[in-house]
């Protein structure tokens, strides 16, 4: 499993002196992509993420792999072992079974009455899907 981590800060949190939030992206085969957003306080609005995935090799998008933009809402969960709230974004339906090179960019937003505020983004991560030589199973690198 590959993990990418970045600390993000939005203007509201900076004004209040709150520390940056931590965003993690973990890539594995099943499911290949999960993102976790760790706020140090519960946001007043609804937090959601927009993920953009596209092929880097210029090939037409395969029918069995995501190509485009989608939105997933996150639900806050109280961790028993840690004194913080966790917002978990999970894309279980993603299944990259076609070989190719892809790029992933995730942006985390908070929605309120005035619109949506960008809280931060996970830097673009490139990954390659290959077929395992013996079993033919997809391998995400």
C-alpha atoms as a PDB file:
ATOM      1  CA  UNK A   1       0.000   0.000   0.000  1.00  0.00           C
ATOM      2  CA  UNK A   2       1.267   3.459  -0.889  1.00  0.00           C
ATOM      3  CA  UNK A   3       0.468   6.421   1.324  1.00  0.00           C
ATOM      4  CA  UNK A   4       0.672  10.121   0.472  1.00  0.00           C
ATOM      5  CA  UNK A   5       0.228  12.704   3.196  1.00  0.00           C
ATOM      6  CA  UNK A   6      -0.064  16.479   3.146  1.00  0.00           C
ATOM      7  CA  UNK A   7      -0.924  19.117   5.736  1.00  0.00           C
ATOM      8  CA  UNK A   8      -3.417  21.750   4.615  1.00  0.00           C
ATOM      9  CA  UNK A   9      -4.542  25.043   6.138  1.00  0.00           C
ATOM     10  CA  UNK A  10      -7.576  27.129   5.224  1.00  0.00           C
ATOM     11  CA  UNK A  11      -8.103  30.832   6.047  1.00  0.00           C
ATOM     12  CA  UNK A  12     -10.762  30.178   8.708  1.00  0.00           C
ATOM     13  CA  UNK A  13      -8.518  27.800  10.622  1.00  0.00           C
ATOM     14  CA  UNK A  14      -5.534  30.122  10.241  1.00  0.00           C
ATOM     15  CA  UNK A  15      -7.521  33.016  11.752  1.00  0.00           C
ATOM     16  CA  UNK A  16      -8.511  30.931  14.756  1.00  0.00           C
ATOM     17  CA  UNK A  17      -4.983  29.648  15.265  1.00  0.00           C
ATOM     18  CA  UNK A  18      -6.056  26.067  14.667  1.00  0.00           C
ATOM     19  CA  UNK A  19      -3.336  23.735  13.424  1.00  0.00           C
ATOM     20  CA  UNK A  20      -3.410  22.458   9.846  1.00  0.00           C
ATOM     21  CA  UNK A  21      -5.501  19.459   8.936  1.00  0.00           C
ATOM     22  CA  UNK A  22      -3.922  16.260   7.755  1.00  0.00           C
ATOM     23  CA  UNK A  23      -5.038  14.592   4.534  1.00  0.00           C
ATOM     24  CA  UNK A  24      -3.943  11.100   3.626  1.00  0.00           C
ATOM     25  CA  UNK A  25      -4.358   9.206   0.396  1.00  0.00           C
ATOM     26  CA  UNK A  26      -3.762   5.485   0.513  1.00  0.00           C
ATOM     27  CA  UNK A  27      -3.559   3.457  -2.669  1.00  0.00           C
ATOM     28  CA  UNK A  28      -3.989  -0.297  -2.712  1.00  0.00           C
ATOM     29  CA  UNK A  29      -5.551  -2.756  -5.110  1.00  0.00           C
ATOM     30  CA  UNK A  30      -8.947  -3.373  -3.471  1.00  0.00           C
ATOM     31  CA  UNK A  31     -10.110  -0.694  -2.985  1.00  0.00           C
ATOM     32  CA  UNK A  32      -7.372   1.236  -4.769  1.00  0.00           C
ATOM     33  CA  UNK A  33      -8.055   4.673  -3.323  1.00  0.00           C
ATOM     34  CA  UNK A  34      -9.039   5.949   0.100  1.00  0.00           C
ATOM     35  CA  UNK A  35      -8.647   9.439   1.467  1.00  0.00           C
ATOM     36  CA  UNK A  36      -8.901  10.461   5.098  1.00  0.00           C
ATOM     37  CA  UNK A  37      -9.348  14.014   6.306  1.00  0.00           C
ATOM     38  CA  UNK A  38      -8.434  14.721   9.923  1.00  0.00           C
ATOM     39  CA  UNK A  39      -9.870  17.986  11.263  1.00  0.00           C
ATOM     40  CA  UNK A  40      -8.996  19.080  14.789  1.00  0.00           C
ATOM     41  CA  UNK A  41     -12.490  20.474  15.210  1.00  0.00           C
ATOM     42  CA  UNK A  42     -15.899  19.646  13.802  1.00  0.00           C
ATOM     43  CA  UNK A  43     -16.711  21.908  10.881  1.00  0.00           C
ATOM     44  CA  UNK A  44     -20.008  23.767  10.908  1.00  0.00           C
ATOM     45  CA  UNK A  45     -20.756  22.791   7.333  1.00  0.00           C
ATOM     46  CA  UNK A  46     -20.626  19.677   5.259  1.00  0.00           C
ATOM     47  CA  UNK A  47     -17.202  18.468   4.168  1.00  0.00           C
ATOM     48  CA  UNK A  48     -16.843  16.798   0.807  1.00  0.00           C
ATOM     49  CA  UNK A  49     -14.082  15.878  -1.607  1.00  0.00           C
ATOM     50  CA  UNK A  50     -13.751  16.139  -5.352  1.00  0.00           C
ATOM     51  CA  UNK A  51     -11.428  13.659  -7.004  1.00  0.00           C
ATOM     52  CA  UNK A  52     -10.111  13.992 -10.534  1.00  0.00           C
ATOM     53  CA  UNK A  53      -8.636  10.933 -12.190  1.00  0.00           C
ATOM     54  CA  UNK A  54      -7.396  10.868 -15.753  1.00  0.00           C
ATOM     55  CA  UNK A  55      -5.158   8.779 -17.954  1.00  0.00           C
ATOM     56  CA  UNK A  56      -1.734  10.219 -18.670  1.00  0.00           C
ATOM     57  CA  UNK A  57      -1.003   8.125 -21.740  1.00  0.00           C
ATOM     58  CA  UNK A  58      -3.636   9.805 -23.914  1.00  0.00           C
ATOM     59  CA  UNK A  59      -5.536   6.595 -24.502  1.00  0.00           C
ATOM     60  CA  UNK A  60      -9.332   6.742 -24.532  1.00  0.00           C
ATOM     61  CA  UNK A  61     -10.851   6.034 -21.124  1.00  0.00           C
ATOM     62  CA  UNK A  62     -11.535   2.328 -20.618  1.00  0.00           C
ATOM     63  CA  UNK A  63     -15.030   1.318 -19.617  1.00  0.00           C
ATOM     64  CA  UNK A  64     -13.875  -0.414 -16.446  1.00  0.00           C
ATOM     65  CA  UNK A  65     -11.760   2.378 -14.980  1.00  0.00           C
ATOM     66  CA  UNK A  66     -12.720   5.786 -13.691  1.00  0.00           C
ATOM     67  CA  UNK A  67     -11.904   8.728 -15.897  1.00  0.00           C
ATOM     68  CA  UNK A  68     -13.267  12.094 -14.869  1.00  0.00           C
ATOM     69  CA  UNK A  69     -14.561  13.866 -11.804  1.00  0.00           C
ATOM     70  CA  UNK A  70     -16.733  12.611  -8.995  1.00  0.00           C
ATOM     71  CA  UNK A  71     -17.840  13.855  -5.582  1.00  0.00           C
ATOM     72  CA  UNK A  72     -18.074  11.844  -2.378  1.00  0.00           C
ATOM     73  CA  UNK A  73     -19.369  13.197   0.916  1.00  0.00           C
ATOM     74  CA  UNK A  74     -17.552  12.413   4.134  1.00  0.00           C
ATOM     75  CA  UNK A  75     -19.016  11.419   7.473  1.00  0.00           C
ATOM     76  CA  UNK A  76     -17.466  12.366  10.787  1.00  0.00           C
ATOM     77  CA  UNK A  77     -16.652   9.480  13.086  1.00  0.00           C
ATOM     78  CA  UNK A  78     -15.378   9.648  16.653  1.00  0.00           C
ATOM     79  CA  UNK A  79     -12.237   7.605  17.118  1.00  0.00           C
ATOM     80  CA  UNK A  80     -12.302   5.679  20.392  1.00  0.00           C
ATOM     81  CA  UNK A  81      -8.531   5.549  20.646  1.00  0.00           C
ATOM     82  CA  UNK A  82      -7.815   9.157  19.695  1.00  0.00           C
ATOM     83  CA  UNK A  83      -9.210  12.457  20.896  1.00  0.00           C
ATOM     84  CA  UNK A  84     -10.167  13.814  17.496  1.00  0.00           C
ATOM     85  CA  UNK A  85     -12.824  13.628  14.847  1.00  0.00           C
ATOM     86  CA  UNK A  86     -12.091  11.863  11.586  1.00  0.00           C
ATOM     87  CA  UNK A  87     -13.800  12.453   8.281  1.00  0.00           C
ATOM     88  CA  UNK A  88     -13.329   9.429   6.040  1.00  0.00           C
ATOM     89  CA  UNK A  89     -13.732   9.577   2.275  1.00  0.00           C
ATOM     90  CA  UNK A  90     -13.848   6.171   0.645  1.00  0.00           C
ATOM     91  CA  UNK A  91     -14.139   5.205  -3.016  1.00  0.00           C
ATOM     92  CA  UNK A  92     -14.801   1.487  -2.854  1.00  0.00           C
ATOM     93  CA  UNK A  93     -16.299   1.407  -6.335  1.00  0.00           C
ATOM     94  CA  UNK A  94     -13.018   2.263  -8.029  1.00  0.00           C
ATOM     95  CA  UNK A  95     -11.480  -0.717  -9.736  1.00  0.00           C
ATOM     96  CA  UNK A  96      -8.551  -0.035 -12.031  1.00  0.00           C
ATOM     97  CA  UNK A  97      -8.462  -3.258 -13.991  1.00  0.00           C
ATOM     98  CA  UNK A  98      -7.131  -1.821 -17.246  1.00  0.00           C
ATOM     99  CA  UNK A  99      -3.366  -1.252 -17.504  1.00  0.00           C
ATOM    100  CA  UNK A 100      -2.315   2.355 -17.916  1.00  0.00           C
ATOM    101  CA  UNK A 101      -0.889   5.390 -16.158  1.00  0.00           C
ATOM    102  CA  UNK A 102      -3.284   7.612 -14.240  1.00  0.00           C
ATOM    103  CA  UNK A 103      -3.144  10.847 -12.252  1.00  0.00           C
ATOM    104  CA  UNK A 104      -5.208  11.511  -9.142  1.00  0.00           C
ATOM    105  CA  UNK A 105      -5.939  14.911  -7.595  1.00  0.00           C
ATOM    106  CA  UNK A 106      -8.175  15.228  -4.534  1.00  0.00           C
ATOM    107  CA  UNK A 107      -9.553  18.541  -3.268  1.00  0.00           C
ATOM    108  CA  UNK A 108     -11.345  18.800   0.083  1.00  0.00           C
ATOM    109  CA  UNK A 109     -14.091  21.410   0.510  1.00  0.00           C
ATOM    110  CA  UNK A 110     -16.475  22.613   3.177  1.00  0.00           C
ATOM    111  CA  UNK A 111     -19.943  23.638   2.024  1.00  0.00           C
ATOM    112  CA  UNK A 112     -21.855  26.398   3.790  1.00  0.00           C
ATOM    113  CA  UNK A 113     -24.594  28.907   3.042  1.00  0.00           C
ATOM    114  CA  UNK A 114     -22.272  31.041   0.903  1.00  0.00           C
ATOM    115  CA  UNK A 115     -20.936  28.236  -1.265  1.00  0.00           C
ATOM    116  CA  UNK A 116     -17.927  25.975  -0.880  1.00  0.00           C
ATOM    117  CA  UNK A 117     -14.545  26.785   0.615  1.00  0.00           C
ATOM    118  CA  UNK A 118     -11.451  24.897  -0.487  1.00  0.00           C
ATOM    119  CA  UNK A 119      -9.804  23.489   2.637  1.00  0.00           C
ATOM    120  CA  UNK A 120      -6.857  21.983   0.827  1.00  0.00           C
ATOM    121  CA  UNK A 121      -5.790  19.513  -1.791  1.00  0.00           C
ATOM    122  CA  UNK A 122      -3.690  16.414  -1.972  1.00  0.00           C
ATOM    123  CA  UNK A 123      -0.885  16.884  -4.506  1.00  0.00           C
ATOM    124  CA  UNK A 124      -1.368  15.093  -7.798  1.00  0.00           C
ATOM    125  CA  UNK A 125      -0.304  11.502  -7.476  1.00  0.00           C
ATOM    126  CA  UNK A 126       0.538   9.369 -10.478  1.00  0.00           C
ATOM    127  CA  UNK A 127       0.052   5.640 -10.380  1.00  0.00           C
ATOM    128  CA  UNK A 128       0.390   2.820 -12.853  1.00  0.00           C
ATOM    129  CA  UNK A 129      -1.889  -0.182 -13.218  1.00  0.00           C
ATOM    130  CA  UNK A 130      -0.216  -3.334 -14.516  1.00  0.00           C
ATOM    131  CA  UNK A 131      -1.300  -6.942 -14.854  1.00  0.00           C
ATOM    132  CA  UNK A 132       0.284  -9.541 -12.572  1.00  0.00           C
ATOM    133  CA  UNK A 133       2.117 -11.988 -14.839  1.00  0.00           C
ATOM    134  CA  UNK A 134       0.777 -15.237 -13.372  1.00  0.00           C
ATOM    135  CA  UNK A 135      -2.735 -14.481 -12.112  1.00  0.00           C
ATOM    136  CA  UNK A 136      -3.599 -11.548 -14.372  1.00  0.00           C
ATOM    137  CA  UNK A 137      -4.777  -9.559 -11.342  1.00  0.00           C
ATOM    138  CA  UNK A 138      -4.336  -5.759 -11.547  1.00  0.00           C
ATOM    139  CA  UNK A 139      -1.412  -4.292  -9.608  1.00  0.00           C
ATOM    140  CA  UNK A 140      -1.399  -0.630  -8.630  1.00  0.00           C
ATOM    141  CA  UNK A 141       2.059   0.924  -8.269  1.00  0.00           C
END
